[in-house]
Structures are given as C-alpha cells and as structure tokens.
N, C-alpha and C. Protein backbone atom coordinates (compact mmCIF):
# COMPACT_ATOMS: atom_id res chain seq x y z
N MET A 1 -13.81 -12.76 33.21
CA MET A 1 -14.04 -11.96 32.02
C MET A 1 -12.80 -11.13 31.67
N LYS A 2 -12.14 -10.60 32.70
CA LYS A 2 -10.95 -9.79 32.46
C LYS A 2 -9.85 -10.62 31.81
N LYS A 3 -9.74 -11.89 32.21
CA LYS A 3 -8.71 -12.76 31.65
C LYS A 3 -8.97 -13.01 30.16
N ILE A 4 -10.23 -13.19 29.80
CA ILE A 4 -10.57 -13.39 28.38
C ILE A 4 -10.23 -12.13 27.58
N TRP A 5 -10.55 -10.98 28.14
CA TRP A 5 -10.23 -9.71 27.48
C TRP A 5 -8.71 -9.55 27.32
N ASN A 6 -7.95 -9.89 28.34
CA ASN A 6 -6.49 -9.80 28.25
C ASN A 6 -5.94 -10.77 27.20
N TRP A 7 -6.51 -11.98 27.11
CA TRP A 7 -6.11 -12.92 26.06
C TRP A 7 -6.38 -12.31 24.68
N PHE A 8 -7.54 -11.71 24.52
CA PHE A 8 -7.91 -11.10 23.25
C PHE A 8 -6.90 -10.01 22.87
N ILE A 9 -6.58 -9.15 23.80
CA ILE A 9 -5.61 -8.07 23.53
C ILE A 9 -4.25 -8.65 23.18
N TYR A 10 -3.82 -9.65 23.92
CA TYR A 10 -2.53 -10.30 23.68
C TYR A 10 -2.49 -10.90 22.27
N LEU A 11 -3.50 -11.64 21.89
CA LEU A 11 -3.54 -12.26 20.56
C LEU A 11 -3.66 -11.21 19.46
N PHE A 12 -4.39 -10.14 19.73
CA PHE A 12 -4.53 -9.06 18.76
C PHE A 12 -3.17 -8.41 18.48
N ILE A 13 -2.40 -8.17 19.53
CA ILE A 13 -1.07 -7.57 19.37
C ILE A 13 -0.15 -8.52 18.62
N LEU A 14 -0.19 -9.80 18.97
CA LEU A 14 0.66 -10.77 18.27
C LEU A 14 0.29 -10.89 16.79
N ALA A 15 -0.99 -10.80 16.48
CA ALA A 15 -1.43 -10.89 15.08
C ALA A 15 -0.96 -9.68 14.28
N GLY A 16 -0.71 -8.57 14.94
CA GLY A 16 -0.26 -7.37 14.24
C GLY A 16 1.10 -7.51 13.59
N PHE A 17 1.97 -8.32 14.18
CA PHE A 17 3.31 -8.49 13.62
C PHE A 17 3.28 -9.10 12.22
N PRO A 18 2.64 -10.26 12.03
CA PRO A 18 2.62 -10.79 10.66
C PRO A 18 1.80 -9.94 9.69
N LEU A 19 0.77 -9.28 10.19
CA LEU A 19 -0.03 -8.42 9.30
C LEU A 19 0.78 -7.24 8.79
N LEU A 20 1.56 -6.61 9.67
CA LEU A 20 2.42 -5.50 9.22
C LEU A 20 3.51 -5.99 8.28
N ALA A 21 4.07 -7.16 8.56
CA ALA A 21 5.09 -7.72 7.67
C ALA A 21 4.49 -8.00 6.29
N TRP A 22 3.28 -8.55 6.26
CA TRP A 22 2.61 -8.83 4.99
C TRP A 22 2.34 -7.53 4.23
N ALA A 23 1.87 -6.51 4.93
CA ALA A 23 1.58 -5.22 4.29
C ALA A 23 2.86 -4.62 3.71
N GLY A 24 3.94 -4.68 4.46
CA GLY A 24 5.21 -4.16 3.98
C GLY A 24 5.71 -4.91 2.76
N TYR A 25 5.61 -6.24 2.81
CA TYR A 25 6.04 -7.05 1.68
C TYR A 25 5.21 -6.72 0.44
N TYR A 26 3.89 -6.60 0.61
CA TYR A 26 3.01 -6.32 -0.51
C TYR A 26 3.37 -4.99 -1.17
N LEU A 27 3.58 -3.95 -0.36
CA LEU A 27 3.92 -2.64 -0.92
C LEU A 27 5.26 -2.67 -1.65
N VAL A 28 6.25 -3.30 -1.03
CA VAL A 28 7.58 -3.35 -1.63
C VAL A 28 7.56 -4.20 -2.90
N ALA A 29 6.91 -5.36 -2.84
CA ALA A 29 6.88 -6.26 -4.00
C ALA A 29 6.14 -5.62 -5.17
N ASP A 30 5.03 -4.96 -4.88
CA ASP A 30 4.25 -4.31 -5.92
C ASP A 30 5.06 -3.19 -6.59
N THR A 31 5.68 -2.35 -5.79
CA THR A 31 6.49 -1.26 -6.33
C THR A 31 7.65 -1.79 -7.14
N TYR A 32 8.34 -2.80 -6.61
CA TYR A 32 9.48 -3.39 -7.32
C TYR A 32 9.04 -4.01 -8.64
N ASN A 33 7.90 -4.67 -8.62
CA ASN A 33 7.39 -5.31 -9.83
C ASN A 33 7.09 -4.28 -10.92
N PHE A 34 6.48 -3.16 -10.55
CA PHE A 34 6.23 -2.09 -11.53
C PHE A 34 7.54 -1.51 -12.04
N TRP A 35 8.52 -1.34 -11.15
CA TRP A 35 9.81 -0.76 -11.53
C TRP A 35 10.58 -1.68 -12.47
N LYS A 36 10.59 -2.96 -12.17
CA LYS A 36 11.39 -3.92 -12.94
C LYS A 36 10.67 -4.39 -14.21
N ASN A 37 9.38 -4.68 -14.12
CA ASN A 37 8.66 -5.31 -15.22
C ASN A 37 7.59 -4.44 -15.87
N GLY A 38 7.41 -3.22 -15.37
CA GLY A 38 6.33 -2.36 -15.87
C GLY A 38 6.51 -1.97 -17.33
N ILE A 39 5.42 -2.00 -18.05
CA ILE A 39 5.40 -1.60 -19.46
C ILE A 39 4.66 -0.27 -19.54
N GLU A 40 5.31 0.72 -20.12
CA GLU A 40 4.69 2.05 -20.23
C GLU A 40 3.64 2.06 -21.33
N LYS A 41 2.47 2.57 -20.99
CA LYS A 41 1.38 2.72 -21.95
C LYS A 41 0.71 4.07 -21.73
N GLN A 42 -0.02 4.50 -22.73
CA GLN A 42 -0.80 5.73 -22.62
C GLN A 42 -2.24 5.37 -22.28
N ALA A 43 -2.74 5.96 -21.22
CA ALA A 43 -4.12 5.70 -20.79
C ALA A 43 -4.94 6.97 -20.95
N LEU A 44 -6.10 6.83 -21.54
CA LEU A 44 -7.04 7.94 -21.64
C LEU A 44 -7.89 7.95 -20.38
N VAL A 45 -7.87 9.07 -19.66
CA VAL A 45 -8.68 9.21 -18.45
C VAL A 45 -10.07 9.66 -18.91
N ILE A 46 -11.02 8.73 -18.88
CA ILE A 46 -12.36 9.01 -19.39
C ILE A 46 -13.16 9.85 -18.42
N GLU A 47 -13.23 9.41 -17.17
CA GLU A 47 -14.00 10.16 -16.17
C GLU A 47 -13.58 9.74 -14.77
N LEU A 48 -13.94 10.60 -13.82
CA LEU A 48 -13.77 10.27 -12.40
C LEU A 48 -14.99 9.45 -12.00
N ASP A 49 -14.79 8.20 -11.63
CA ASP A 49 -15.89 7.31 -11.29
C ASP A 49 -16.42 7.60 -9.89
N ARG A 50 -15.51 7.68 -8.93
CA ARG A 50 -15.89 7.97 -7.53
C ARG A 50 -14.63 8.27 -6.74
N THR A 51 -14.83 8.75 -5.52
CA THR A 51 -13.71 8.96 -4.60
C THR A 51 -14.02 8.24 -3.30
N SER A 52 -12.96 7.91 -2.60
CA SER A 52 -13.09 7.27 -1.30
C SER A 52 -12.11 7.97 -0.36
N SER A 53 -12.63 8.50 0.74
CA SER A 53 -11.79 9.26 1.67
C SER A 53 -11.80 8.62 3.04
N SER A 54 -10.66 8.74 3.70
CA SER A 54 -10.58 8.37 5.11
C SER A 54 -9.66 9.38 5.78
N GLY A 55 -9.92 9.63 7.04
CA GLY A 55 -9.18 10.65 7.77
C GLY A 55 -7.68 10.41 7.80
N LYS A 56 -7.29 9.18 8.01
CA LYS A 56 -5.86 8.88 8.13
C LYS A 56 -5.24 8.42 6.82
N GLY A 57 -6.03 7.83 5.95
CA GLY A 57 -5.48 7.24 4.74
C GLY A 57 -5.49 8.14 3.53
N GLY A 58 -6.11 9.30 3.62
CA GLY A 58 -6.18 10.19 2.48
C GLY A 58 -7.31 9.82 1.55
N THR A 59 -7.23 10.31 0.33
CA THR A 59 -8.29 10.10 -0.65
C THR A 59 -7.80 9.21 -1.77
N THR A 60 -8.65 8.31 -2.20
CA THR A 60 -8.38 7.48 -3.38
C THR A 60 -9.37 7.91 -4.46
N TYR A 61 -8.84 8.20 -5.62
CA TYR A 61 -9.64 8.63 -6.76
C TYR A 61 -9.77 7.46 -7.73
N TYR A 62 -10.99 7.06 -8.02
CA TYR A 62 -11.24 5.96 -8.94
C TYR A 62 -11.60 6.53 -10.30
N TYR A 63 -10.75 6.26 -11.28
CA TYR A 63 -10.94 6.78 -12.62
C TYR A 63 -11.29 5.66 -13.59
N LYS A 64 -12.13 5.99 -14.55
CA LYS A 64 -12.40 5.08 -15.65
C LYS A 64 -11.35 5.38 -16.72
N LEU A 65 -10.55 4.37 -17.05
CA LEU A 65 -9.45 4.52 -18.00
C LEU A 65 -9.68 3.65 -19.22
N GLU A 66 -9.06 4.06 -20.31
CA GLU A 66 -9.02 3.21 -21.51
C GLU A 66 -7.56 3.02 -21.89
N ILE A 67 -7.14 1.76 -21.87
CA ILE A 67 -5.76 1.40 -22.23
C ILE A 67 -5.84 0.31 -23.28
N ASP A 68 -5.32 0.56 -24.46
CA ASP A 68 -5.34 -0.43 -25.55
C ASP A 68 -6.74 -0.99 -25.79
N SER A 69 -7.73 -0.14 -25.89
CA SER A 69 -9.14 -0.50 -26.12
C SER A 69 -9.77 -1.27 -24.96
N LEU A 70 -9.09 -1.37 -23.84
CA LEU A 70 -9.63 -2.03 -22.65
C LEU A 70 -10.03 -0.95 -21.65
N GLN A 71 -11.30 -0.96 -21.23
CA GLN A 71 -11.75 0.02 -20.24
C GLN A 71 -11.75 -0.63 -18.86
N LEU A 72 -11.25 0.12 -17.89
CA LEU A 72 -11.22 -0.37 -16.52
C LEU A 72 -11.33 0.78 -15.56
N VAL A 73 -11.76 0.48 -14.34
CA VAL A 73 -11.82 1.47 -13.27
C VAL A 73 -10.72 1.12 -12.29
N GLU A 74 -9.85 2.09 -12.04
CA GLU A 74 -8.70 1.85 -11.17
C GLU A 74 -8.57 2.99 -10.17
N GLY A 75 -8.16 2.66 -8.96
CA GLY A 75 -7.99 3.65 -7.91
C GLY A 75 -6.57 4.18 -7.86
N PHE A 76 -6.45 5.50 -7.71
CA PHE A 76 -5.14 6.15 -7.61
C PHE A 76 -5.14 7.08 -6.41
N ARG A 77 -3.98 7.29 -5.84
CA ARG A 77 -3.83 8.20 -4.71
C ARG A 77 -3.55 9.63 -5.16
N VAL A 78 -3.43 9.83 -6.47
CA VAL A 78 -3.16 11.16 -7.03
C VAL A 78 -4.27 11.49 -8.03
N ARG A 79 -4.47 12.79 -8.27
CA ARG A 79 -5.47 13.23 -9.25
C ARG A 79 -4.89 13.10 -10.66
N LEU A 80 -5.77 12.73 -11.59
CA LEU A 80 -5.39 12.62 -12.99
C LEU A 80 -6.24 13.59 -13.81
N PRO A 81 -5.70 14.13 -14.91
CA PRO A 81 -6.48 15.06 -15.74
C PRO A 81 -7.53 14.32 -16.58
N ILE A 82 -8.78 14.68 -16.40
CA ILE A 82 -9.88 14.02 -17.11
C ILE A 82 -9.87 14.46 -18.58
N GLY A 83 -10.05 13.48 -19.48
CA GLY A 83 -10.09 13.76 -20.90
C GLY A 83 -8.72 13.83 -21.55
N LYS A 84 -7.68 13.54 -20.81
CA LYS A 84 -6.32 13.60 -21.36
C LYS A 84 -5.65 12.24 -21.21
N TYR A 85 -4.55 12.09 -21.94
CA TYR A 85 -3.76 10.87 -21.84
C TYR A 85 -2.69 11.04 -20.77
N VAL A 86 -2.47 9.99 -20.00
CA VAL A 86 -1.40 9.98 -18.99
C VAL A 86 -0.58 8.72 -19.19
N SER A 87 0.70 8.81 -18.84
CA SER A 87 1.57 7.64 -18.90
C SER A 87 1.34 6.78 -17.67
N VAL A 88 1.14 5.50 -17.91
CA VAL A 88 0.96 4.55 -16.81
C VAL A 88 1.86 3.34 -17.05
N LEU A 89 2.14 2.65 -15.96
CA LEU A 89 2.86 1.39 -16.05
C LEU A 89 1.87 0.26 -15.83
N THR A 90 1.94 -0.75 -16.68
CA THR A 90 1.11 -1.94 -16.51
C THR A 90 2.03 -3.14 -16.37
N LEU A 91 1.51 -4.20 -15.80
CA LEU A 91 2.29 -5.42 -15.65
C LEU A 91 1.94 -6.38 -16.78
N PRO A 92 2.94 -7.04 -17.37
CA PRO A 92 2.65 -7.93 -18.50
C PRO A 92 1.74 -9.09 -18.13
N ASN A 93 1.85 -9.60 -16.91
CA ASN A 93 1.03 -10.74 -16.51
C ASN A 93 -0.30 -10.32 -15.89
N ASP A 94 -0.49 -9.01 -15.65
CA ASP A 94 -1.74 -8.50 -15.07
C ASP A 94 -2.04 -7.12 -15.67
N PRO A 95 -2.55 -7.06 -16.91
CA PRO A 95 -2.74 -5.77 -17.57
C PRO A 95 -3.78 -4.88 -16.90
N GLY A 96 -4.59 -5.41 -16.00
CA GLY A 96 -5.57 -4.60 -15.30
C GLY A 96 -4.99 -3.86 -14.11
N LYS A 97 -3.75 -4.11 -13.78
CA LYS A 97 -3.10 -3.45 -12.65
C LYS A 97 -2.21 -2.34 -13.21
N VAL A 98 -2.52 -1.10 -12.84
CA VAL A 98 -1.78 0.04 -13.39
C VAL A 98 -1.40 1.01 -12.28
N THR A 99 -0.37 1.79 -12.55
CA THR A 99 0.04 2.88 -11.68
C THR A 99 0.60 3.99 -12.55
N PRO A 100 0.44 5.25 -12.16
CA PRO A 100 1.03 6.33 -12.96
C PRO A 100 2.55 6.20 -12.99
N GLY A 101 3.15 6.52 -14.12
CA GLY A 101 4.60 6.49 -14.24
C GLY A 101 5.04 6.15 -15.65
N THR A 102 6.35 6.21 -15.83
CA THR A 102 6.96 5.86 -17.11
C THR A 102 8.01 4.79 -16.87
N GLU A 103 8.55 4.25 -17.96
CA GLU A 103 9.59 3.23 -17.82
C GLU A 103 10.85 3.79 -17.18
N SER A 104 11.03 5.11 -17.22
CA SER A 104 12.20 5.72 -16.59
C SER A 104 11.94 6.14 -15.15
N SER A 105 10.73 5.89 -14.63
CA SER A 105 10.42 6.24 -13.24
C SER A 105 11.25 5.39 -12.29
N GLY A 106 11.73 6.03 -11.24
CA GLY A 106 12.51 5.32 -10.23
C GLY A 106 11.61 4.67 -9.19
N LEU A 107 12.24 3.87 -8.33
CA LEU A 107 11.50 3.19 -7.26
C LEU A 107 10.76 4.18 -6.37
N TYR A 108 11.45 5.26 -5.99
CA TYR A 108 10.83 6.23 -5.09
C TYR A 108 9.60 6.87 -5.73
N GLU A 109 9.71 7.23 -7.00
CA GLU A 109 8.59 7.88 -7.70
C GLU A 109 7.38 6.94 -7.79
N ILE A 110 7.63 5.68 -8.12
CA ILE A 110 6.53 4.71 -8.21
C ILE A 110 5.91 4.50 -6.84
N TYR A 111 6.74 4.38 -5.81
CA TYR A 111 6.24 4.18 -4.45
C TYR A 111 5.42 5.40 -4.00
N LYS A 112 5.87 6.59 -4.40
CA LYS A 112 5.14 7.81 -4.06
C LYS A 112 3.75 7.82 -4.71
N TYR A 113 3.67 7.37 -5.95
CA TYR A 113 2.36 7.28 -6.61
C TYR A 113 1.47 6.24 -5.92
N GLU A 114 2.07 5.16 -5.43
CA GLU A 114 1.30 4.13 -4.73
C GLU A 114 0.79 4.65 -3.38
N MET A 115 1.60 5.45 -2.69
CA MET A 115 1.25 5.93 -1.35
C MET A 115 0.48 7.25 -1.38
N GLY A 116 0.74 8.10 -2.36
CA GLY A 116 -0.02 9.34 -2.48
C GLY A 116 0.75 10.62 -2.24
N SER A 117 1.80 10.59 -1.41
CA SER A 117 2.56 11.82 -1.15
C SER A 117 3.91 11.48 -0.54
N ASP A 118 4.79 12.48 -0.54
CA ASP A 118 6.11 12.30 0.08
C ASP A 118 5.98 12.01 1.57
N LEU A 119 5.06 12.69 2.23
CA LEU A 119 4.87 12.48 3.66
C LEU A 119 4.47 11.04 3.96
N MET A 120 3.54 10.48 3.19
CA MET A 120 3.12 9.10 3.41
C MET A 120 4.26 8.12 3.13
N VAL A 121 5.12 8.43 2.16
CA VAL A 121 6.28 7.58 1.89
C VAL A 121 7.20 7.57 3.09
N VAL A 122 7.52 8.75 3.61
CA VAL A 122 8.42 8.85 4.77
C VAL A 122 7.81 8.15 5.98
N LEU A 123 6.52 8.37 6.24
CA LEU A 123 5.88 7.72 7.39
C LEU A 123 5.85 6.20 7.25
N SER A 124 5.52 5.71 6.06
CA SER A 124 5.44 4.25 5.89
C SER A 124 6.82 3.61 5.98
N LEU A 125 7.81 4.22 5.35
CA LEU A 125 9.16 3.66 5.44
C LEU A 125 9.69 3.74 6.86
N GLY A 126 9.41 4.85 7.55
CA GLY A 126 9.82 4.98 8.95
C GLY A 126 9.18 3.92 9.82
N MET A 127 7.91 3.64 9.59
CA MET A 127 7.23 2.61 10.37
C MET A 127 7.87 1.24 10.15
N PHE A 128 8.18 0.91 8.90
CA PHE A 128 8.76 -0.41 8.63
C PHE A 128 10.20 -0.51 9.14
N VAL A 129 10.95 0.58 9.10
CA VAL A 129 12.30 0.56 9.69
C VAL A 129 12.19 0.38 11.20
N PHE A 130 11.28 1.11 11.82
CA PHE A 130 11.06 0.97 13.26
C PHE A 130 10.66 -0.46 13.62
N MET A 131 9.76 -1.04 12.84
CA MET A 131 9.33 -2.43 13.10
C MET A 131 10.47 -3.41 12.90
N ALA A 132 11.33 -3.17 11.92
CA ALA A 132 12.45 -4.08 11.68
C ALA A 132 13.46 -4.02 12.82
N ILE A 133 13.63 -2.83 13.40
CA ILE A 133 14.61 -2.68 14.48
C ILE A 133 14.04 -3.17 15.80
N TYR A 134 12.85 -2.71 16.15
CA TYR A 134 12.30 -3.00 17.48
C TYR A 134 11.27 -4.14 17.49
N GLY A 135 10.80 -4.56 16.36
CA GLY A 135 9.78 -5.61 16.30
C GLY A 135 10.22 -6.94 16.89
N PRO A 136 11.37 -7.48 16.47
CA PRO A 136 11.77 -8.79 17.01
C PRO A 136 11.94 -8.81 18.53
N SER A 137 12.58 -7.78 19.08
CA SER A 137 12.78 -7.76 20.54
C SER A 137 11.44 -7.59 21.27
N THR A 138 10.55 -6.79 20.72
CA THR A 138 9.23 -6.62 21.32
C THR A 138 8.43 -7.91 21.25
N PHE A 139 8.53 -8.62 20.14
CA PHE A 139 7.83 -9.89 19.97
C PHE A 139 8.32 -10.91 21.00
N VAL A 140 9.63 -11.00 21.19
CA VAL A 140 10.20 -11.94 22.18
C VAL A 140 9.76 -11.54 23.58
N THR A 141 9.78 -10.26 23.89
CA THR A 141 9.35 -9.79 25.21
C THR A 141 7.88 -10.13 25.45
N LEU A 142 7.04 -9.94 24.45
CA LEU A 142 5.62 -10.30 24.59
C LEU A 142 5.44 -11.79 24.85
N LEU A 143 6.20 -12.61 24.14
CA LEU A 143 6.08 -14.05 24.35
C LEU A 143 6.53 -14.46 25.75
N LYS A 144 7.61 -13.85 26.22
CA LYS A 144 8.15 -14.20 27.54
C LYS A 144 7.24 -13.72 28.67
N SER A 145 6.58 -12.60 28.49
CA SER A 145 5.76 -12.03 29.56
C SER A 145 4.27 -12.30 29.36
N ARG A 146 3.95 -13.36 28.66
CA ARG A 146 2.55 -13.70 28.38
C ARG A 146 1.74 -13.84 29.66
N ASP A 147 2.27 -14.57 30.63
CA ASP A 147 1.52 -14.81 31.87
C ASP A 147 1.25 -13.51 32.63
N LYS A 148 2.22 -12.60 32.65
CA LYS A 148 2.01 -11.31 33.33
C LYS A 148 0.90 -10.51 32.66
N ILE A 149 0.91 -10.51 31.34
CA ILE A 149 -0.08 -9.72 30.59
C ILE A 149 -1.48 -10.28 30.79
N ILE A 150 -1.61 -11.57 30.71
CA ILE A 150 -2.93 -12.20 30.79
C ILE A 150 -3.49 -12.19 32.20
N ASN A 151 -2.64 -12.37 33.20
CA ASN A 151 -3.11 -12.47 34.59
C ASN A 151 -3.10 -11.15 35.33
N GLN A 152 -3.15 -10.04 34.65
CA GLN A 152 -3.17 -8.73 35.31
C GLN A 152 -4.44 -8.55 36.09
C-alpha cells in the first residue's frame, strides 16, 4: 500500500510541472492578447451579480455589464462602480471576454487587473521565475531518483 501511495505522490508532483507551465502560459498569453489586440469600450456596470471568495485566491466580483447592447456577467478581481461606465478592453475575436483597462494601459496594469493586486502580481511572477530557474533541474532530479522515492 505504501508503494502505491508513493507512486501517487510521485505522479502528482510530476503532473504539477506541466500544469504550472500551462497556467503561466495562459496568464501571459491572455494579458498579452489584451495589450496587443484589445479594443477599448465603455461598459455600463448594471449590478453586482455575486462574489466568490477563497482564502488564498482573494475575491472575484461578478458584475452584470452592458457593452454595445450586449449584456454579460463577467468576473473581475477588482471592484467596479455600480451604475457607472468603466473603460474595458475586449478582444475582437471574443467580445464576451473583457478586462478593465484602456488602449493605453500597459502590460503590468492589465496583468494587475487580471490578478487583483500588486502583491499577487509579484507573487505570481516570482513563482514563475523560480519555476523557470529551478524547475528543470528539479524535474531531472525527480526522474533520476524515481526508484528511491517510490521504494521508501
């Protein structure tokens, strides 16, 4: 039974590498896409639909918005003023995907809106830098010491 548990832990750790890489790529690609291709529009914040909180991830605020006569509910990591217009960026190929910002917003500002705060930006970028530096060597070490880990 212990050997099966050790295999599970080993595979779980190995699966974490591609999952973190995918998460990093998704965040970077999304932010870059808004920065490069985002179209600035005015969105009317109709109402706060709901909130979703987690201890480590912060709060996501889901607002009902109206953009160009299209109503949608979108989650944001920042609070928006209800009943007022805010500048948002939309993607030409996916008008339902929006983030707060203007066409003059920089990469950092857009990423901050995606993450929710300066602290989360620093922590997420630090994690990905750490993974880029130490991830490959740790991955190779895990592969080489597979028998030791499993047969403990």
